[in-house]
Amino acid sequence: MNIKNKPLLVLLLLILLCAVTLTGCANLKNSAALVQHAVGGIYDPTKQMVNNQLTVILNAVTSQDAAAVKAQFAPNAIAVQPELDSQIEALFDYYDSENGEIDNISGRAGSASDGAGGKNRYYEMSGKIVSGEMYLVYIRAITEDTNDPDNVGVWALLLRRKADEADYPDGLSYHVKGEEDMIGVYVGLPAYRFDLGLPTE
């Protein structure tokens, strides 16, 4: 090889390396953009999980499948709520809609560790179900518990017709006083406007 051509060869190799690197970055950026586009924004796995879980429940309610609704609840929640079957029947009577779309889901998710290797994850979210009639919805669930897997599942589901709270602000999440202690399904409970410090009634 002619030694005079070595600088040119090195330059060509550097150009090629830069081109490969930039192509890889572009592909990675495009993949991320495709994910964001597919979900309508920044991907939030917790919100997607809530949407999926609520969709399963609503489909089961529409088909009056009590077993399918109950299957979404944590085994330990089922064990401590003897009224769950009657609560689900009340949900069937209360929710009168088909093809409901879940909208405006927001809330919080978190995790905790016991310091000995055990951990759990949970969420509590609220939003709307938009169909022929609009409903306010709140759901609380545990998504992981390494110490007791029977805690995993829904613990509380609350539903309220928006028409029963016609003046309820669109930007205010649906919450009920004492919701953190509720286990099972509750329908028609008035919202607690904790943001304002006042109940609706």
C-alpha atoms as a PDB file:
ATOM      1  CA  MET A   1       0.000   0.000   0.000  1.00  0.00           C
ATOM      2  CA  ASN A   2       1.261   3.442  -0.852  1.00  0.00           C
ATOM      3  CA  ILE A   3       1.946   5.250   2.412  1.00  0.00           C
ATOM      4  CA  LYS A   4       0.869   8.530   0.813  1.00  0.00           C
ATOM      5  CA  ASN A   5      -2.708   7.214   0.629  1.00  0.00           C
ATOM      6  CA  LYS A   6      -2.968   6.388   4.355  1.00  0.00           C
ATOM      7  CA  PRO A   7      -4.361   9.799   5.460  1.00  0.00           C
ATOM      8  CA  LEU A   8      -7.013   9.542   2.773  1.00  0.00           C
ATOM      9  CA  LEU A   9      -7.901   6.014   3.874  1.00  0.00           C
ATOM     10  CA  VAL A  10      -8.188   7.072   7.523  1.00  0.00           C
ATOM     11  CA  LEU A  11     -10.429   9.979   6.507  1.00  0.00           C
ATOM     12  CA  LEU A  12     -12.673   7.669   4.499  1.00  0.00           C
ATOM     13  CA  LEU A  13     -12.945   5.252   7.417  1.00  0.00           C
ATOM     14  CA  LEU A  14     -13.896   8.097   9.789  1.00  0.00           C
ATOM     15  CA  ILE A  15     -16.583   9.306   7.396  1.00  0.00           C
ATOM     16  CA  LEU A  16     -17.983   5.784   7.112  1.00  0.00           C
ATOM     17  CA  LEU A  17     -18.001   5.343  10.911  1.00  0.00           C
ATOM     18  CA  CYS A  18     -19.856   8.643  11.400  1.00  0.00           C
ATOM     19  CA  ALA A  19     -22.427   7.680   8.780  1.00  0.00           C
ATOM     20  CA  VAL A  20     -23.138   4.338  10.486  1.00  0.00           C
ATOM     21  CA  THR A  21     -23.427   5.992  13.900  1.00  0.00           C
ATOM     22  CA  LEU A  22     -25.818   8.677  12.634  1.00  0.00           C
ATOM     23  CA  THR A  23     -27.958   6.077  10.895  1.00  0.00           C
ATOM     24  CA  GLY A  24     -28.253   4.110  14.146  1.00  0.00           C
ATOM     25  CA  CYS A  25     -29.256   7.237  16.060  1.00  0.00           C
ATOM     26  CA  ALA A  26     -31.821   8.122  13.432  1.00  0.00           C
ATOM     27  CA  ASN A  27     -33.339   4.639  13.578  1.00  0.00           C
ATOM     28  CA  LEU A  28     -33.549   4.812  17.373  1.00  0.00           C
ATOM     29  CA  LYS A  29     -35.163   8.235  17.215  1.00  0.00           C
ATOM     30  CA  ASN A  30     -37.647   7.048  14.612  1.00  0.00           C
ATOM     31  CA  SER A  31     -38.566   4.017  16.732  1.00  0.00           C
ATOM     32  CA  ALA A  32     -39.256   6.226  19.740  1.00  0.00           C
ATOM     33  CA  ALA A  33     -41.297   8.584  17.589  1.00  0.00           C
ATOM     34  CA  LEU A  34     -43.361   5.681  16.263  1.00  0.00           C
ATOM     35  CA  VAL A  35     -44.145   4.550  19.812  1.00  0.00           C
ATOM     36  CA  GLN A  36     -45.171   8.063  20.818  1.00  0.00           C
ATOM     37  CA  HIS A  37     -47.300   8.461  17.706  1.00  0.00           C
ATOM     38  CA  ALA A  38     -49.003   5.119  18.283  1.00  0.00           C
ATOM     39  CA  VAL A  39     -50.127   6.064  21.786  1.00  0.00           C
ATOM     40  CA  GLY A  40     -50.817   9.705  21.034  1.00  0.00           C
ATOM     41  CA  GLY A  41     -47.949  11.129  23.041  1.00  0.00           C
ATOM     42  CA  ILE A  42     -45.300  10.015  25.529  1.00  0.00           C
ATOM     43  CA  TYR A  43     -45.842   6.362  26.361  1.00  0.00           C
ATOM     44  CA  ASP A  44     -47.130   5.780  29.902  1.00  0.00           C
ATOM     45  CA  PRO A  45     -47.293   2.046  30.743  1.00  0.00           C
ATOM     46  CA  THR A  46     -49.408   2.605  33.870  1.00  0.00           C
ATOM     47  CA  LYS A  47     -52.109   4.476  31.979  1.00  0.00           C
ATOM     48  CA  GLN A  48     -52.108   1.780  29.330  1.00  0.00           C
ATOM     49  CA  MET A  49     -52.487  -0.840  32.053  1.00  0.00           C
ATOM     50  CA  VAL A  50     -55.449   1.058  33.535  1.00  0.00           C
ATOM     51  CA  ASN A  51     -57.050   1.385  30.113  1.00  0.00           C
ATOM     52  CA  ASN A  52     -56.639  -2.332  29.485  1.00  0.00           C
ATOM     53  CA  GLN A  53     -58.024  -3.307  32.877  1.00  0.00           C
ATOM     54  CA  LEU A  54     -61.020  -0.979  32.619  1.00  0.00           C
ATOM     55  CA  THR A  55     -61.720  -2.174  29.076  1.00  0.00           C
ATOM     56  CA  VAL A  56     -61.859  -5.795  30.255  1.00  0.00           C
ATOM     57  CA  ILE A  57     -64.205  -4.824  33.099  1.00  0.00           C
ATOM     58  CA  LEU A  58     -66.505  -2.736  30.883  1.00  0.00           C
ATOM     59  CA  ASN A  59     -66.715  -5.485  28.275  1.00  0.00           C
ATOM     60  CA  ALA A  60     -67.614  -7.953  31.024  1.00  0.00           C
ATOM     61  CA  VAL A  61     -70.241  -5.574  32.417  1.00  0.00           C
ATOM     62  CA  THR A  62     -71.764  -5.099  28.967  1.00  0.00           C
ATOM     63  CA  SER A  63     -72.031  -8.872  28.558  1.00  0.00           C
ATOM     64  CA  GLN A  64     -73.213  -9.291  32.184  1.00  0.00           C
ATOM     65  CA  ASP A  65     -70.283 -11.599  32.934  1.00  0.00           C
ATOM     66  CA  ALA A  66     -69.897 -11.396  36.698  1.00  0.00           C
ATOM     67  CA  ALA A  67     -67.084 -13.955  36.800  1.00  0.00           C
ATOM     68  CA  ALA A  68     -64.994 -11.924  34.346  1.00  0.00           C
ATOM     69  CA  VAL A  69     -65.450  -8.761  36.418  1.00  0.00           C
ATOM     70  CA  LYS A  70     -64.569 -10.592  39.617  1.00  0.00           C
ATOM     71  CA  ALA A  71     -61.457 -12.091  37.992  1.00  0.00           C
ATOM     72  CA  GLN A  72     -59.948  -8.590  37.746  1.00  0.00           C
ATOM     73  CA  PHE A  73     -60.015  -8.214  41.528  1.00  0.00           C
ATOM     74  CA  ALA A  74     -57.175  -9.298  43.786  1.00  0.00           C
ATOM     75  CA  PRO A  75     -57.818 -12.648  45.540  1.00  0.00           C
ATOM     76  CA  ASN A  76     -57.268 -10.972  48.913  1.00  0.00           C
ATOM     77  CA  ALA A  77     -59.735  -8.205  48.006  1.00  0.00           C
ATOM     78  CA  ILE A  78     -62.321 -10.860  47.131  1.00  0.00           C
ATOM     79  CA  ALA A  79     -61.622 -12.629  50.421  1.00  0.00           C
ATOM     80  CA  VAL A  80     -62.259  -9.560  52.583  1.00  0.00           C
ATOM     81  CA  GLN A  81     -65.295  -8.225  50.695  1.00  0.00           C
ATOM     82  CA  PRO A  82     -68.225 -10.621  51.166  1.00  0.00           C
ATOM     83  CA  GLU A  83     -70.560  -8.260  49.294  1.00  0.00           C
ATOM     84  CA  LEU A  84     -68.557  -8.254  46.059  1.00  0.00           C
ATOM     85  CA  ASP A  85     -71.036 -10.436  44.151  1.00  0.00           C
ATOM     86  CA  SER A  86     -73.956  -8.172  45.012  1.00  0.00           C
ATOM     87  CA  GLN A  87     -71.808  -5.112  44.290  1.00  0.00           C
ATOM     88  CA  ILE A  88     -71.106  -6.447  40.794  1.00  0.00           C
ATOM     89  CA  GLU A  89     -74.824  -7.032  40.235  1.00  0.00           C
ATOM     90  CA  ALA A  90     -75.447  -3.428  41.277  1.00  0.00           C
ATOM     91  CA  LEU A  91     -72.834  -2.364  38.739  1.00  0.00           C
ATOM     92  CA  PHE A  92     -74.719  -4.262  36.020  1.00  0.00           C
ATOM     93  CA  ASP A  93     -77.886  -2.372  36.903  1.00  0.00           C
ATOM     94  CA  TYR A  94     -76.131   0.994  37.115  1.00  0.00           C
ATOM     95  CA  TYR A  95     -73.937   0.965  34.012  1.00  0.00           C
ATOM     96  CA  ASP A  96     -76.213   1.258  31.002  1.00  0.00           C
ATOM     97  CA  SER A  97     -73.947   1.754  28.052  1.00  0.00           C
ATOM     98  CA  GLU A  98     -72.083  -0.016  25.270  1.00  0.00           C
ATOM     99  CA  ASN A  99     -68.803   0.695  23.504  1.00  0.00           C
ATOM    100  CA  GLY A 100     -67.696   3.084  26.216  1.00  0.00           C
ATOM    101  CA  GLU A 101     -64.405   4.842  25.579  1.00  0.00           C
ATOM    102  CA  ILE A 102     -62.052   5.489  28.471  1.00  0.00           C
ATOM    103  CA  ASP A 103     -60.843   9.082  28.512  1.00  0.00           C
ATOM    104  CA  ASN A 104     -58.784  11.528  30.536  1.00  0.00           C
ATOM    105  CA  ILE A 105     -57.171   8.941  32.813  1.00  0.00           C
ATOM    106  CA  SER A 106     -54.933  10.524  35.430  1.00  0.00           C
ATOM    107  CA  GLY A 107     -53.744   9.848  38.933  1.00  0.00           C
ATOM    108  CA  ARG A 108     -50.712   8.417  40.611  1.00  0.00           C
ATOM    109  CA  ALA A 109     -48.663   5.255  40.697  1.00  0.00           C
ATOM    110  CA  GLY A 110     -46.014   4.251  43.162  1.00  0.00           C
ATOM    111  CA  SER A 111     -43.881   1.507  44.612  1.00  0.00           C
ATOM    112  CA  ALA A 112     -42.510   0.539  47.989  1.00  0.00           C
ATOM    113  CA  SER A 113     -39.870  -1.798  49.361  1.00  0.00           C
ATOM    114  CA  ASP A 114     -39.736  -3.530  52.737  1.00  0.00           C
ATOM    115  CA  GLY A 115     -35.937  -3.427  52.862  1.00  0.00           C
ATOM    116  CA  ALA A 116     -35.676  -7.211  52.722  1.00  0.00           C
ATOM    117  CA  GLY A 117     -36.071  -7.639  48.993  1.00  0.00           C
ATOM    118  CA  GLY A 118     -39.862  -7.457  48.921  1.00  0.00           C
ATOM    119  CA  LYS A 119     -41.565  -4.786  46.854  1.00  0.00           C
ATOM    120  CA  ASN A 120     -44.965  -3.771  45.613  1.00  0.00           C
ATOM    121  CA  ARG A 121     -46.372  -1.464  42.971  1.00  0.00           C
ATOM    122  CA  TYR A 122     -49.765   0.147  42.861  1.00  0.00           C
ATOM    123  CA  TYR A 123     -51.852   2.781  41.139  1.00  0.00           C
ATOM    124  CA  GLU A 124     -54.976   4.808  41.754  1.00  0.00           C
ATOM    125  CA  MET A 125     -56.476   6.525  38.745  1.00  0.00           C
ATOM    126  CA  SER A 126     -59.619   8.360  37.802  1.00  0.00           C
ATOM    127  CA  GLY A 127     -61.125   9.443  34.508  1.00  0.00           C
ATOM    128  CA  LYS A 128     -64.230   9.262  32.370  1.00  0.00           C
ATOM    129  CA  ILE A 129     -66.095   6.686  30.369  1.00  0.00           C
ATOM    130  CA  VAL A 130     -67.593   8.350  27.320  1.00  0.00           C
ATOM    131  CA  SER A 131     -70.410   6.664  25.441  1.00  0.00           C
ATOM    132  CA  GLY A 132     -74.139   7.290  25.154  1.00  0.00           C
ATOM    133  CA  GLU A 133     -73.883   8.465  28.729  1.00  0.00           C
ATOM    134  CA  MET A 134     -70.819   9.801  30.511  1.00  0.00           C
ATOM    135  CA  TYR A 135     -69.536   8.231  33.714  1.00  0.00           C
ATOM    136  CA  LEU A 136     -66.898   9.291  36.202  1.00  0.00           C
ATOM    137  CA  VAL A 137     -64.652   6.418  37.249  1.00  0.00           C
ATOM    138  CA  TYR A 138     -62.049   5.723  39.932  1.00  0.00           C
ATOM    139  CA  ILE A 139     -59.963   2.560  40.155  1.00  0.00           C
ATOM    140  CA  ARG A 140     -57.312   1.441  42.637  1.00  0.00           C
ATOM    141  CA  ALA A 141     -55.125  -1.622  42.132  1.00  0.00           C
ATOM    142  CA  ILE A 142     -51.921  -3.360  43.127  1.00  0.00           C
ATOM    143  CA  THR A 143     -49.861  -4.457  40.140  1.00  0.00           C
ATOM    144  CA  GLU A 144     -47.019  -6.242  41.932  1.00  0.00           C
ATOM    145  CA  ASP A 145     -46.446  -7.675  45.396  1.00  0.00           C
ATOM    146  CA  THR A 146     -43.509 -10.025  45.731  1.00  0.00           C
ATOM    147  CA  ASN A 147     -44.404 -10.923  49.322  1.00  0.00           C
ATOM    148  CA  ASP A 148     -48.044 -11.791  48.634  1.00  0.00           C
ATOM    149  CA  PRO A 149     -49.082 -12.210  44.969  1.00  0.00           C
ATOM    150  CA  ASP A 150     -52.718 -12.562  46.095  1.00  0.00           C
ATOM    151  CA  ASN A 151     -52.704  -8.801  46.654  1.00  0.00           C
ATOM    152  CA  VAL A 152     -52.270  -8.211  42.905  1.00  0.00           C
ATOM    153  CA  GLY A 153     -55.402  -6.987  41.157  1.00  0.00           C
ATOM    154  CA  VAL A 154     -58.120  -4.381  41.520  1.00  0.00           C
ATOM    155  CA  TRP A 155     -59.103  -3.388  45.049  1.00  0.00           C
ATOM    156  CA  ALA A 156     -61.675  -0.694  44.384  1.00  0.00           C
ATOM    157  CA  LEU A 157     -63.806   0.434  41.453  1.00  0.00           C
ATOM    158  CA  LEU A 158     -66.102   3.451  41.785  1.00  0.00           C
ATOM    159  CA  LEU A 159     -68.543   4.685  39.155  1.00  0.00           C
ATOM    160  CA  ARG A 160     -70.780   7.762  39.056  1.00  0.00           C
ATOM    161  CA  ARG A 161     -73.055   9.084  36.302  1.00  0.00           C
ATOM    162  CA  LYS A 162     -71.832  12.484  35.177  1.00  0.00           C
ATOM    163  CA  ALA A 163     -75.477  13.558  34.758  1.00  0.00           C
ATOM    164  CA  ASP A 164     -75.903  13.191  38.528  1.00  0.00           C
ATOM    165  CA  GLU A 165     -73.170  15.799  38.989  1.00  0.00           C
ATOM    166  CA  ALA A 166     -73.908  18.056  36.050  1.00  0.00           C
ATOM    167  CA  ASP A 167     -71.827  20.904  37.467  1.00  0.00           C
ATOM    168  CA  TYR A 168     -68.793  18.731  38.165  1.00  0.00           C
ATOM    169  CA  PRO A 169     -65.753  20.502  36.647  1.00  0.00           C
ATOM    170  CA  ASP A 170     -64.267  18.674  33.668  1.00  0.00           C
ATOM    171  CA  GLY A 171     -60.725  19.100  34.932  1.00  0.00           C
ATOM    172  CA  LEU A 172     -61.414  17.678  38.390  1.00  0.00           C
ATOM    173  CA  SER A 173     -60.644  14.018  39.088  1.00  0.00           C
ATOM    174  CA  TYR A 174     -63.380  11.819  40.515  1.00  0.00           C
ATOM    175  CA  HIS A 175     -62.741  10.912  44.136  1.00  0.00           C
ATOM    176  CA  VAL A 176     -64.969   9.822  46.993  1.00  0.00           C
ATOM    177  CA  LYS A 177     -64.406  10.574  50.646  1.00  0.00           C
ATOM    178  CA  GLY A 178     -62.917   7.523  52.351  1.00  0.00           C
ATOM    179  CA  GLU A 179     -62.060   5.837  49.042  1.00  0.00           C
ATOM    180  CA  GLU A 180     -58.706   4.640  50.377  1.00  0.00           C
ATOM    181  CA  ASP A 181     -60.542   2.277  52.751  1.00  0.00           C
ATOM    182  CA  MET A 182     -63.092   0.999  50.224  1.00  0.00           C
ATOM    183  CA  ILE A 183     -62.813  -2.511  48.828  1.00  0.00           C
ATOM    184  CA  GLY A 184     -65.025  -3.717  45.996  1.00  0.00           C
ATOM    185  CA  VAL A 185     -67.405  -1.960  43.613  1.00  0.00           C
ATOM    186  CA  TYR A 186     -69.335   1.190  44.497  1.00  0.00           C
ATOM    187  CA  VAL A 187     -71.760   2.996  42.215  1.00  0.00           C
ATOM    188  CA  GLY A 188     -73.505   6.332  42.464  1.00  0.00           C
ATOM    189  CA  LEU A 189     -71.448   7.784  45.306  1.00  0.00           C
ATOM    190  CA  PRO A 190     -71.216  11.586  45.217  1.00  0.00           C
ATOM    191  CA  ALA A 191     -67.824  13.025  44.417  1.00  0.00           C
ATOM    192  CA  TYR A 192     -65.726  14.684  47.047  1.00  0.00           C
ATOM    193  CA  ARG A 193     -64.142  17.806  45.655  1.00  0.00           C
ATOM    194  CA  PHE A 194     -61.071  17.577  47.783  1.00  0.00           C
ATOM    195  CA  ASP A 195     -59.332  20.130  45.579  1.00  0.00           C
ATOM    196  CA  LEU A 196     -61.806  22.667  46.920  1.00  0.00           C
ATOM    197  CA  GLY A 197     -62.125  21.074  50.340  1.00  0.00           C
ATOM    198  CA  LEU A 198     -65.892  20.720  49.919  1.00  0.00           C
ATOM    199  CA  PRO A 199     -68.187  17.764  49.243  1.00  0.00           C
ATOM    200  CA  THR A 200     -70.693  18.103  46.419  1.00  0.00           C
ATOM    201  CA  GLU A 201     -73.684  17.623  48.705  1.00  0.00           C
END
